[in-house]
């Protein structure tokens, strides 16, 4: 089972980092939750995926550093690589798997430069609406 959980986690991180939102939705449980060091928790598949859709303008990819699996739980450490001057942001997710899908994620990330990433994202959104 640990191999299938590992493959699911890598598929999830790749889909999120590659902006493959259709694939992301396929690997996320309908009743999934997303929380951690983010401003608002997401509940349900669509809200979960929407969070990644919102980050689309600044993400280049996710570079996985480590995956640890224990039963139906996994931890993944990765660089959330942005195309902003900040570059990569060290991130970790603690995932719970249910029915072969991501049921919950608790995200922790290096918050020291995250405000700069958010500012770049807001600036791009504002420029797109002008």
Protein backbone atom coordinates (compact mmCIF):
# COMPACT_ATOMS: atom_id res chain seq x y z
CA UNK A 1 0.00 0.00 0.00
CA UNK A 2 2.81 2.43 0.76
CA UNK A 3 3.92 2.37 -2.89
CA UNK A 4 0.43 3.33 -4.09
CA UNK A 5 0.20 6.10 -1.48
CA UNK A 6 3.63 7.38 -2.53
CA UNK A 7 2.59 7.36 -6.20
CA UNK A 8 -0.64 9.21 -5.35
CA UNK A 9 1.26 11.86 -3.38
CA UNK A 10 3.76 12.39 -6.20
CA UNK A 11 0.91 12.58 -8.72
CA UNK A 12 -0.88 15.15 -6.53
CA UNK A 13 2.20 17.36 -6.06
CA UNK A 14 3.02 17.14 -9.76
CA UNK A 15 -0.53 18.03 -10.82
CA UNK A 16 -0.62 20.99 -8.42
CA UNK A 17 2.80 22.25 -9.50
CA UNK A 18 2.07 21.69 -13.18
CA UNK A 19 -1.26 23.52 -13.04
CA UNK A 20 -2.98 20.34 -14.24
CA UNK A 21 -6.18 21.14 -12.38
CA UNK A 22 -8.23 18.43 -14.08
CA UNK A 23 -5.80 15.80 -12.83
CA UNK A 24 -5.65 17.48 -9.43
CA UNK A 25 -9.43 17.20 -9.11
CA UNK A 26 -9.21 13.49 -10.00
CA UNK A 27 -6.86 12.71 -7.09
CA UNK A 28 -8.67 14.80 -4.47
CA UNK A 29 -11.52 13.32 -2.42
CA UNK A 30 -14.94 15.00 -2.87
CA UNK A 31 -14.98 15.84 0.86
CA UNK A 32 -11.34 16.92 1.07
CA UNK A 33 -10.08 19.61 3.43
CA UNK A 34 -7.07 21.88 3.00
CA UNK A 35 -5.65 23.89 5.87
CA UNK A 36 -2.49 24.77 7.75
CA UNK A 37 -0.57 28.02 7.43
CA UNK A 38 -3.01 29.44 4.90
CA UNK A 39 -5.52 32.21 5.55
CA UNK A 40 -8.71 30.19 5.08
CA UNK A 41 -9.39 26.47 5.15
CA UNK A 42 -10.87 24.91 2.03
CA UNK A 43 -13.61 22.28 2.29
CA UNK A 44 -14.64 20.09 -0.62
CA UNK A 45 -12.92 19.16 -3.86
CA UNK A 46 -13.82 22.35 -5.78
CA UNK A 47 -12.63 24.69 -3.01
CA UNK A 48 -9.47 22.58 -2.62
CA UNK A 49 -8.67 22.83 -6.33
CA UNK A 50 -9.65 26.52 -6.46
CA UNK A 51 -6.83 27.32 -4.05
CA UNK A 52 -4.33 25.97 -6.57
CA UNK A 53 -6.14 27.70 -9.44
CA UNK A 54 -5.61 30.98 -7.59
CA UNK A 55 -1.85 30.34 -7.46
CA UNK A 56 -1.61 29.47 -11.17
CA UNK A 57 -0.20 32.81 -12.32
CA UNK A 58 2.93 32.49 -10.17
CA UNK A 59 3.75 28.79 -9.88
CA UNK A 60 6.34 27.19 -12.14
CA UNK A 61 6.47 23.74 -10.56
CA UNK A 62 6.95 21.79 -7.35
CA UNK A 63 10.33 20.14 -6.76
CA UNK A 64 9.91 17.22 -4.36
CA UNK A 65 12.65 16.79 -1.79
CA UNK A 66 11.25 13.93 0.30
CA UNK A 67 8.15 11.78 0.72
CA UNK A 68 7.49 9.74 3.86
CA UNK A 69 4.57 7.32 3.96
CA UNK A 70 3.07 5.57 6.97
CA UNK A 71 -0.08 3.64 6.16
CA UNK A 72 -2.68 6.08 4.85
CA UNK A 73 -0.69 9.13 5.91
CA UNK A 74 2.13 10.86 4.06
CA UNK A 75 4.39 13.84 4.46
CA UNK A 76 5.93 15.53 1.45
CA UNK A 77 8.63 18.20 1.57
CA UNK A 78 9.02 20.23 -1.60
CA UNK A 79 10.03 23.54 -3.09
CA UNK A 80 7.02 25.50 -4.35
CA UNK A 81 8.88 27.16 -7.22
CA UNK A 82 7.47 30.53 -8.23
CA UNK A 83 8.41 32.76 -11.12
CA UNK A 84 8.49 35.73 -8.74
CA UNK A 85 11.72 37.29 -7.47
CA UNK A 86 11.28 35.09 -4.37
CA UNK A 87 11.81 31.91 -6.40
CA UNK A 88 11.24 28.68 -4.44
CA UNK A 89 9.33 28.56 -1.17
CA UNK A 90 10.05 25.57 1.06
CA UNK A 91 6.76 23.78 1.77
CA UNK A 92 5.54 20.64 3.51
CA UNK A 93 2.18 18.93 3.36
CA UNK A 94 0.86 16.32 5.71
CA UNK A 95 -1.68 14.28 3.77
CA UNK A 96 -4.35 11.76 4.69
CA UNK A 97 -5.49 9.27 2.07
CA UNK A 98 -8.99 7.78 1.95
CA UNK A 99 -10.47 5.60 -0.80
CA UNK A 100 -7.28 6.09 -2.83
CA UNK A 101 -7.68 9.89 -2.87
CA UNK A 102 -6.25 12.86 -0.98
CA UNK A 103 -8.75 13.41 1.86
CA UNK A 104 -6.91 16.12 3.79
CA UNK A 105 -3.86 18.32 3.56
CA UNK A 106 -2.19 20.40 6.22
CA UNK A 107 0.24 22.80 4.54
CA UNK A 108 3.20 24.38 6.25
CA UNK A 109 5.46 26.73 4.35
CA UNK A 110 8.31 29.15 4.88
CA UNK A 111 6.33 32.28 5.67
CA UNK A 112 9.26 34.70 5.68
CA UNK A 113 8.98 35.64 1.99
CA UNK A 114 5.40 34.53 1.32
CA UNK A 115 4.05 38.12 1.55
CA UNK A 116 6.26 39.00 -1.45
CA UNK A 117 4.79 36.09 -3.42
CA UNK A 118 1.24 37.18 -2.57
CA UNK A 119 2.06 40.77 -3.58
CA UNK A 120 3.40 39.60 -6.96
CA UNK A 121 0.23 37.55 -7.47
CA UNK A 122 -1.99 40.53 -6.60
CA UNK A 123 -0.01 42.81 -8.91
CA UNK A 124 -0.47 40.35 -11.81
CA UNK A 125 -4.19 40.06 -11.18
CA UNK A 126 -4.52 43.85 -11.09
CA UNK A 127 -2.55 44.22 -14.33
CA UNK A 128 -4.74 41.60 -16.02
CA UNK A 129 -7.91 43.53 -15.18
CA UNK A 130 -6.57 46.90 -16.38
